Amino acid sequence: MDSVLAALYAVGSLVLGQEAPPAPWHPVDALGRVLILLVGGALVARRVAPVPVLAVVVALWLGYIGCGYWPVVNSPAVLLALYAVAAAHRTRTAAVCAAAVGAAWLVAGLLGGRYTALPAVAVQAVAFPGVVAFLGRTAGVSAERSRRLAELTDRLRAEQELRAERAVTEERVRIARELHDVVAHHMSMVSLQAGMAGYVVEADPATAKGALETIAATSREALEELRRLLALLRVGPEHGPDEAAEYAPAPGLDRLEELVRRVRAAGVPTELRLEGTPFRLPPGMDLCAYRVVQEALTNVLRHAGPAAAVVLVRYAARTLTVRVTDDGSRPAVPDGASTGGHGLIGMHERAKIYRGTVSAGPRAGGGFEVELRLPAPHAAGGEPVGRPSP
């Protein structure tokens, strides 16, 4: 672009130089044409080295005028070079260069002698460089602002992509935690019932039949929950609200009775106690409490040996407390020690989302205790806390 502009300028100046100049200037000859071409050639690098190009153009222009040629022919090149300086440099540099161009303009007027109106030349020496410098500086500021906005846009786009990747990672972790809870609990139930059915199948067919029925019901529920989790991965913008609504909701505290019945059927006497006036929980918090109870009872089935368990749900004014205790003959092994940390660690992660806490450890009188404390959703002005579960 700069090369084309320089070539067009050189052609235009050569055409203008063919006109008869006013007195006392000489017509353009071979030397004048060479100077015009040199000025045009210097303009090619005006954005690469603006200040040196301006110096060269002013020097050639003064030499052109000193040879007696009409100053108007090469004056646009000086203003164009000044514009490039003002667009690329700070205001101070632009002002100094504009002053230098104004001084050169005055010199050109003085070389015209009595044929030049000095007051008009003085006005031009101030006005032309000043206006060109102002326009160039304005364009430079706009270009710099556009560049910074482009950089900011790129950074924001990168941050959005990073946030999207984090959101995907968090969702995968959540799905993995859900899958762990579902598979660990239901498969523990199926394993215990299958072992009991195999043990009493000949001696007590009725008990074996009941165990098989429990296996069937537990398997169906596990498949339903797995199907719900996988459906969450499939539902996207292309699915309508009616189609998304067909998937079963996540379990909550209202399904604790069913959970306790399954644990009883697996051979662990379990009691469910409710204290206080129940209040409605946000879906995510409800699922969090349910999963903690499910994980704690699964650990009782796996590690506590012959034991009885108690599930206590206490609704208080500012806190929801869920406590699972057992009286096993040996303390329950923390699930993180056997499964790589997906059990108790998962409980703590779930509780953190809703500003809650989880404590787990052996009881003083034997057995194990897991306690979840969550802030009541109506304790801070009635607004749910934490992030909702999809």
Protein backbone atom coordinates (compact mmCIF):
# COMPACT_ATOMS: atom_id res chain seq x y z
CA MET A 1 0.00 0.00 0.00
CA ASP A 2 2.79 2.43 0.84
CA SER A 3 4.56 1.60 -2.41
CA VAL A 4 1.42 2.24 -4.45
CA LEU A 5 0.78 5.50 -2.59
CA ALA A 6 4.37 6.65 -3.18
CA ALA A 7 4.14 5.76 -6.87
CA LEU A 8 0.86 7.67 -7.25
CA TYR A 9 2.35 10.66 -5.50
CA ALA A 10 5.42 10.62 -7.76
CA VAL A 11 3.26 10.45 -10.89
CA GLY A 12 1.01 13.27 -9.67
CA SER A 13 4.00 15.46 -8.78
CA LEU A 14 5.61 14.85 -12.16
CA VAL A 15 2.38 15.85 -13.90
CA LEU A 16 2.06 18.95 -11.70
CA GLY A 17 5.70 19.82 -12.41
CA GLN A 18 4.93 20.07 -16.13
CA GLU A 19 2.81 23.15 -15.54
CA ALA A 20 4.38 26.57 -15.89
CA PRO A 21 5.37 27.71 -12.38
CA PRO A 22 4.77 31.26 -11.13
CA ALA A 23 7.67 33.68 -10.85
CA PRO A 24 10.40 33.43 -9.69
CA TRP A 25 10.44 29.59 -9.90
CA HIS A 26 12.01 27.57 -12.73
CA PRO A 27 10.25 24.83 -14.75
CA VAL A 28 11.03 21.26 -13.68
CA ASP A 29 13.91 19.75 -15.63
CA ALA A 30 15.77 16.43 -15.32
CA LEU A 31 17.25 17.31 -11.92
CA GLY A 32 13.82 18.34 -10.64
CA ARG A 33 12.31 15.06 -11.80
CA VAL A 34 15.06 13.14 -10.04
CA LEU A 35 14.35 15.03 -6.80
CA ILE A 36 10.62 14.34 -7.17
CA LEU A 37 11.29 10.61 -7.63
CA LEU A 38 13.62 10.59 -4.61
CA VAL A 39 10.94 12.20 -2.47
CA GLY A 40 8.38 9.65 -3.68
CA GLY A 41 10.82 6.79 -3.03
CA ALA A 42 11.41 7.99 0.53
CA LEU A 43 7.66 7.83 1.23
CA VAL A 44 7.70 4.04 0.75
CA ALA A 45 9.28 3.68 4.20
CA ARG A 46 7.15 6.30 5.97
CA ARG A 47 5.56 3.78 8.37
CA VAL A 48 8.75 1.78 8.90
CA ALA A 49 10.86 4.78 9.99
CA PRO A 50 8.59 7.84 10.16
CA VAL A 51 11.01 10.36 11.67
CA PRO A 52 13.99 9.55 9.37
CA VAL A 53 11.68 9.61 6.36
CA LEU A 54 10.36 13.03 7.40
CA ALA A 55 13.92 14.32 7.79
CA VAL A 56 14.90 13.03 4.34
CA VAL A 57 11.75 14.42 2.70
CA VAL A 58 12.22 17.87 4.30
CA ALA A 59 15.89 17.92 3.28
CA LEU A 60 15.04 16.94 -0.32
CA TRP A 61 12.22 19.49 -0.37
CA LEU A 62 14.52 22.29 0.78
CA GLY A 63 17.10 21.18 -1.81
CA TYR A 64 14.34 21.15 -4.44
CA ILE A 65 13.37 24.71 -3.47
CA GLY A 66 17.02 25.79 -3.30
CA CYS A 67 17.41 24.72 -6.94
CA GLY A 68 14.67 27.21 -7.84
CA TYR A 69 11.76 24.80 -8.33
CA TRP A 70 8.17 25.55 -7.31
CA PRO A 71 7.69 24.49 -3.60
CA VAL A 72 4.06 23.46 -4.11
CA VAL A 73 5.09 20.40 -6.15
CA ASN A 74 6.66 18.54 -3.22
CA SER A 75 4.83 20.14 -0.29
CA PRO A 76 2.19 17.32 -0.04
CA ALA A 77 5.00 14.81 0.52
CA VAL A 78 6.20 16.80 3.55
CA LEU A 79 2.69 16.85 5.03
CA LEU A 80 2.19 13.15 4.36
CA ALA A 81 5.47 12.30 6.08
CA LEU A 82 4.48 14.50 9.04
CA TYR A 83 1.13 12.68 9.28
CA ALA A 84 2.98 9.35 9.49
CA VAL A 85 5.16 10.68 12.33
CA ALA A 86 2.16 12.00 14.28
CA ALA A 87 0.27 8.71 13.84
CA ALA A 88 3.19 6.58 15.05
CA HIS A 89 4.72 8.68 17.85
CA ARG A 90 3.67 10.56 20.93
CA THR A 91 2.36 14.11 21.00
CA ARG A 92 5.72 15.64 21.95
CA THR A 93 7.50 14.07 18.96
CA ALA A 94 4.67 15.09 16.66
CA ALA A 95 4.81 18.68 17.93
CA VAL A 96 8.59 18.92 17.41
CA CYS A 97 8.32 17.56 13.87
CA ALA A 98 5.42 19.89 13.10
CA ALA A 99 7.54 22.83 14.25
CA ALA A 100 10.39 21.66 12.02
CA VAL A 101 8.05 21.42 9.04
CA GLY A 102 6.70 24.92 9.84
CA ALA A 103 10.23 26.28 9.91
CA ALA A 104 10.99 24.65 6.55
CA TRP A 105 7.77 26.18 5.20
CA LEU A 106 8.94 29.63 6.28
CA VAL A 107 12.32 29.02 4.63
CA ALA A 108 10.51 28.13 1.40
CA GLY A 109 8.56 31.38 1.64
CA LEU A 110 11.70 33.41 2.23
CA LEU A 111 13.35 31.82 -0.82
CA GLY A 112 10.45 33.14 -2.89
CA GLY A 113 11.60 36.70 -2.13
CA ARG A 114 9.33 39.55 -3.04
CA TYR A 115 7.01 37.27 -5.02
CA THR A 116 5.76 35.61 -1.84
CA ALA A 117 3.29 37.08 0.68
CA LEU A 118 5.07 36.37 3.95
CA PRO A 119 1.97 36.82 6.20
CA ALA A 120 0.15 34.12 4.20
CA VAL A 121 3.23 31.87 4.32
CA ALA A 122 3.42 32.36 8.11
CA VAL A 123 -0.21 31.35 8.53
CA GLN A 124 0.34 28.32 6.33
CA ALA A 125 3.51 27.39 8.24
CA VAL A 126 1.46 27.21 11.44
CA ALA A 127 -1.90 25.96 10.18
CA PHE A 128 -0.93 23.22 7.73
CA PRO A 129 1.58 21.33 9.90
CA GLY A 130 -0.61 21.86 13.00
CA VAL A 131 -3.75 20.44 11.39
CA VAL A 132 -1.89 17.52 9.81
CA ALA A 133 -0.14 16.70 13.11
CA PHE A 134 -3.47 16.83 14.96
CA LEU A 135 -5.18 14.53 12.45
CA GLY A 136 -2.26 12.11 12.49
CA ARG A 137 -2.15 12.01 16.29
CA THR A 138 -5.91 11.42 16.44
CA ALA A 139 -5.58 8.56 13.97
CA GLY A 140 -2.67 7.14 15.96
CA VAL A 141 -4.63 7.22 19.23
CA SER A 142 -7.59 5.54 17.54
CA ALA A 143 -5.35 2.85 16.08
CA GLU A 144 -3.70 2.24 19.46
CA ARG A 145 -7.09 2.02 21.13
CA SER A 146 -8.27 -0.43 18.51
CA ARG A 147 -5.15 -2.53 18.99
CA ARG A 148 -5.65 -2.62 22.75
CA LEU A 149 -9.30 -3.51 22.32
CA ALA A 150 -8.31 -6.31 19.98
CA GLU A 151 -5.81 -7.62 22.54
CA LEU A 152 -8.41 -7.36 25.28
CA THR A 153 -10.90 -9.21 23.10
CA ASP A 154 -8.38 -11.97 22.50
CA ARG A 155 -7.68 -12.24 26.22
CA LEU A 156 -11.38 -12.31 27.04
CA ARG A 157 -11.93 -14.98 24.41
CA ALA A 158 -9.07 -17.02 25.87
CA GLU A 159 -10.49 -16.60 29.38
CA GLN A 160 -13.94 -17.65 28.18
CA GLU A 161 -12.47 -20.74 26.57
CA LEU A 162 -10.57 -21.50 29.78
CA ARG A 163 -13.73 -21.06 31.83
CA ALA A 164 -15.61 -23.31 29.44
CA GLU A 165 -12.91 -25.96 29.80
CA ARG A 166 -13.06 -25.64 33.57
CA ALA A 167 -16.83 -25.94 33.50
CA VAL A 168 -16.56 -29.10 31.40
CA THR A 169 -13.96 -30.50 33.79
CA GLU A 170 -16.11 -29.70 36.82
CA GLU A 171 -19.11 -31.31 35.17
CA ARG A 172 -17.08 -34.42 34.40
CA VAL A 173 -15.92 -34.58 38.01
CA ARG A 174 -19.50 -34.18 39.18
CA ILE A 175 -20.72 -36.92 36.85
CA ALA A 176 -17.84 -39.17 37.98
CA ARG A 177 -18.78 -38.56 41.61
CA GLU A 178 -22.42 -39.33 40.85
CA LEU A 179 -21.46 -42.52 39.02
CA HIS A 180 -19.24 -43.57 41.93
CA ASP A 181 -22.03 -43.06 44.43
CA VAL A 182 -24.61 -44.89 42.34
CA VAL A 183 -22.41 -47.83 41.38
CA ALA A 184 -20.77 -48.24 44.79
CA HIS A 185 -24.05 -48.28 46.70
CA HIS A 186 -26.17 -50.36 44.39
CA MET A 187 -23.47 -52.86 43.53
CA SER A 188 -22.73 -53.35 47.24
CA MET A 189 -26.42 -54.09 47.78
CA VAL A 190 -26.53 -56.48 44.83
CA SER A 191 -23.37 -58.26 45.98
CA LEU A 192 -24.65 -58.79 49.52
CA GLN A 193 -28.08 -59.95 48.40
CA ALA A 194 -26.62 -62.27 45.77
CA GLY A 195 -24.31 -63.82 48.36
CA MET A 196 -27.19 -64.35 50.76
CA ALA A 197 -29.43 -65.81 48.05
CA GLY A 198 -26.72 -68.27 47.05
CA TYR A 199 -26.22 -69.27 50.68
CA VAL A 200 -29.93 -69.97 51.48
CA VAL A 201 -31.25 -70.96 48.06
CA GLU A 202 -31.74 -74.61 49.11
CA ALA A 203 -32.36 -74.21 52.83
CA ASP A 204 -34.76 -71.22 52.64
CA PRO A 205 -36.13 -70.65 49.12
CA ALA A 206 -38.47 -67.88 50.31
CA THR A 207 -35.56 -65.83 51.68
CA ALA A 208 -33.59 -66.45 48.51
CA LYS A 209 -36.56 -65.31 46.44
CA GLY A 210 -36.81 -62.12 48.51
CA ALA A 211 -33.11 -61.45 48.02
CA LEU A 212 -33.47 -61.89 44.27
CA GLU A 213 -36.41 -59.49 44.23
CA THR A 214 -34.30 -56.95 46.12
CA ILE A 215 -31.51 -57.48 43.58
CA ALA A 216 -33.96 -56.85 40.74
CA ALA A 217 -35.36 -53.67 42.33
CA THR A 218 -31.90 -52.35 43.22
CA SER A 219 -30.63 -53.05 39.70
CA ARG A 220 -33.59 -51.24 38.16
CA GLU A 221 -33.00 -48.22 40.35
CA ALA A 222 -29.28 -48.23 39.52
CA LEU A 223 -30.08 -48.38 35.82
CA GLU A 224 -32.57 -45.52 36.17
CA GLU A 225 -30.00 -43.32 37.91
CA LEU A 226 -27.31 -44.20 35.40
CA ARG A 227 -29.74 -43.43 32.59
CA ARG A 228 -30.50 -40.07 34.19
CA LEU A 229 -26.82 -39.20 34.48
CA LEU A 230 -26.11 -40.18 30.90
CA ALA A 231 -29.16 -38.23 29.77
CA LEU A 232 -27.62 -35.11 31.30
CA LEU A 233 -24.69 -35.56 28.94
CA ARG A 234 -26.98 -35.91 25.94
CA VAL A 235 -29.41 -33.07 26.58
CA GLY A 236 -28.19 -29.98 24.72
CA PRO A 237 -29.54 -26.90 22.98
CA GLU A 238 -31.00 -29.06 20.22
CA HIS A 239 -33.28 -30.80 22.74
CA GLY A 240 -36.50 -29.09 23.65
CA PRO A 241 -37.73 -28.51 27.21
CA ASP A 242 -40.36 -31.22 26.87
CA GLU A 243 -37.76 -33.82 25.96
CA ALA A 244 -35.44 -32.77 28.80
CA ALA A 245 -38.33 -32.90 31.26
CA GLU A 246 -38.88 -36.60 30.56
CA TYR A 247 -35.74 -37.55 32.49
CA ALA A 248 -36.20 -38.48 36.11
CA PRO A 249 -35.16 -35.93 38.74
CA ALA A 250 -32.19 -36.47 41.01
CA PRO A 251 -32.92 -38.25 44.31
CA GLY A 252 -33.25 -36.30 47.54
CA LEU A 253 -34.08 -36.67 51.22
CA ASP A 254 -37.63 -37.68 50.32
CA ARG A 255 -36.20 -41.01 49.15
CA LEU A 256 -34.35 -41.85 52.34
CA GLU A 257 -37.09 -44.29 53.42
CA GLU A 258 -36.51 -46.30 50.25
CA LEU A 259 -32.74 -46.18 50.78
CA VAL A 260 -33.09 -47.35 54.38
CA ARG A 261 -35.37 -50.22 53.32
CA ARG A 262 -32.74 -51.45 50.89
CA VAL A 263 -30.05 -51.36 53.56
CA ARG A 264 -32.31 -53.27 55.94
CA ALA A 265 -32.94 -55.84 53.24
CA ALA A 266 -29.16 -56.23 52.90
CA GLY A 267 -28.97 -57.35 56.53
CA VAL A 268 -28.09 -54.11 58.35
CA PRO A 269 -30.81 -52.96 60.79
CA THR A 270 -31.22 -49.28 59.99
CA GLU A 271 -33.40 -46.66 61.64
CA LEU A 272 -34.42 -43.32 60.14
CA ARG A 273 -35.13 -40.45 62.52
CA LEU A 274 -36.46 -37.01 61.62
CA GLU A 275 -36.30 -34.04 63.98
CA GLY A 276 -37.68 -30.57 63.52
CA THR A 277 -39.96 -29.16 60.85
CA PRO A 278 -38.84 -30.20 57.37
CA PHE A 279 -38.26 -27.40 54.87
CA ARG A 280 -37.78 -27.48 51.14
CA LEU A 281 -34.18 -27.72 49.92
CA PRO A 282 -32.75 -26.59 46.58
CA PRO A 283 -32.30 -29.60 44.26
CA GLY A 284 -28.50 -29.55 44.47
CA MET A 285 -28.45 -29.36 48.28
CA ASP A 286 -31.10 -32.09 48.49
CA LEU A 287 -28.98 -34.35 46.28
CA CYS A 288 -25.88 -33.54 48.35
CA ALA A 289 -27.55 -34.67 51.59
CA TYR A 290 -28.90 -37.82 49.96
CA ARG A 291 -25.52 -38.80 48.50
CA VAL A 292 -23.77 -38.33 51.83
CA VAL A 293 -26.27 -40.66 53.53
CA GLN A 294 -25.96 -43.13 50.67
CA GLU A 295 -22.16 -43.13 50.83
CA ALA A 296 -22.14 -43.48 54.63
CA LEU A 297 -24.53 -46.45 54.54
CA THR A 298 -22.49 -48.04 51.73
CA ASN A 299 -19.41 -47.82 53.96
CA VAL A 300 -21.39 -49.46 56.78
CA LEU A 301 -22.27 -52.33 54.44
CA ARG A 302 -18.68 -52.68 53.28
CA HIS A 303 -16.60 -52.14 56.37
CA ALA A 304 -18.56 -52.15 59.63
CA GLY A 305 -19.23 -55.88 59.83
CA PRO A 306 -22.31 -56.94 61.86
CA ALA A 307 -23.78 -53.60 62.85
CA ALA A 308 -26.90 -51.49 63.19
CA ALA A 309 -27.12 -48.00 61.72
CA VAL A 310 -29.09 -44.87 62.57
CA VAL A 311 -29.79 -42.06 60.10
CA LEU A 312 -30.73 -38.79 61.79
CA VAL A 313 -32.01 -35.78 59.83
CA ARG A 314 -32.41 -32.66 61.98
CA TYR A 315 -34.09 -29.54 60.59
CA ALA A 316 -33.09 -26.48 62.63
CA ALA A 317 -33.68 -22.77 62.12
CA ARG A 318 -30.32 -22.12 60.52
CA THR A 319 -28.81 -25.55 59.89
CA LEU A 320 -29.67 -28.88 58.34
CA THR A 321 -27.82 -31.71 60.07
CA VAL A 322 -27.58 -35.22 58.67
CA ARG A 323 -25.84 -37.81 60.85
CA VAL A 324 -25.23 -41.50 60.07
CA THR A 325 -23.90 -43.67 62.92
CA ASP A 326 -23.28 -47.38 63.33
CA ASP A 327 -22.24 -49.63 66.19
CA GLY A 328 -20.01 -51.96 64.23
CA SER A 329 -17.58 -54.18 66.04
CA ARG A 330 -14.69 -52.31 64.36
CA PRO A 331 -14.49 -48.75 63.03
CA ALA A 332 -15.52 -48.33 59.44
CA VAL A 333 -12.51 -47.90 57.15
CA PRO A 334 -12.57 -44.50 55.45
CA ASP A 335 -13.65 -45.08 51.92
CA GLY A 336 -10.81 -42.95 50.61
CA ALA A 337 -8.37 -45.63 51.76
CA SER A 338 -9.92 -48.27 49.61
CA THR A 339 -11.18 -46.47 46.59
CA GLY A 340 -8.65 -43.77 45.97
CA GLY A 341 -10.49 -41.00 47.77
CA HIS A 342 -13.82 -40.86 45.89
CA GLY A 343 -15.95 -41.46 49.01
CA LEU A 344 -15.24 -39.19 51.96
CA ILE A 345 -13.39 -36.74 49.71
CA GLY A 346 -16.49 -36.61 47.51
CA MET A 347 -18.61 -35.86 50.59
CA HIS A 348 -16.36 -32.93 51.52
CA GLU A 349 -16.45 -31.58 47.95
CA ARG A 350 -20.24 -31.78 47.82
CA ALA A 351 -20.58 -29.99 51.16
CA LYS A 352 -18.17 -27.20 50.10
CA ILE A 353 -20.40 -26.27 47.16
CA TYR A 354 -23.17 -25.32 49.61
CA ARG A 355 -20.91 -23.87 52.32
CA GLY A 356 -21.37 -26.93 54.46
CA THR A 357 -19.04 -29.23 56.39
CA VAL A 358 -18.58 -32.98 56.73
CA SER A 359 -16.96 -34.72 59.67
CA ALA A 360 -16.27 -38.46 59.77
CA GLY A 361 -14.48 -40.67 62.25
CA PRO A 362 -14.72 -43.45 64.84
CA ARG A 363 -17.11 -43.00 67.75
CA ALA A 364 -15.94 -43.08 71.33
CA GLY A 365 -18.13 -46.06 72.18
CA GLY A 366 -17.32 -47.96 69.01
CA GLY A 367 -18.56 -47.78 65.47
CA PHE A 368 -18.33 -44.90 63.05
CA GLU A 369 -20.08 -41.58 62.54
CA VAL A 370 -20.52 -39.32 59.53
CA GLU A 371 -22.10 -35.90 60.04
CA LEU A 372 -23.09 -33.35 57.39
CA ARG A 373 -23.97 -29.77 58.28
CA LEU A 374 -25.51 -27.46 55.69
CA PRO A 375 -26.78 -23.89 56.16
CA ALA A 376 -30.55 -23.72 55.87
CA PRO A 377 -31.50 -22.20 52.50
CA HIS A 378 -33.88 -19.73 54.19
CA ALA A 379 -31.35 -18.60 56.82
CA ALA A 380 -29.89 -15.81 54.61
CA GLY A 381 -32.98 -14.04 53.33
CA GLY A 382 -34.72 -16.99 51.75
CA GLU A 383 -32.33 -17.46 48.85
CA PRO A 384 -30.89 -20.91 48.07
CA VAL A 385 -27.16 -21.24 48.56
CA GLY A 386 -24.54 -22.91 46.39
CA ARG A 387 -24.93 -24.01 42.80
CA PRO A 388 -28.09 -25.84 41.72
CA SER A 389 -27.84 -29.34 40.39
CA PRO A 390 -28.96 -29.80 36.77
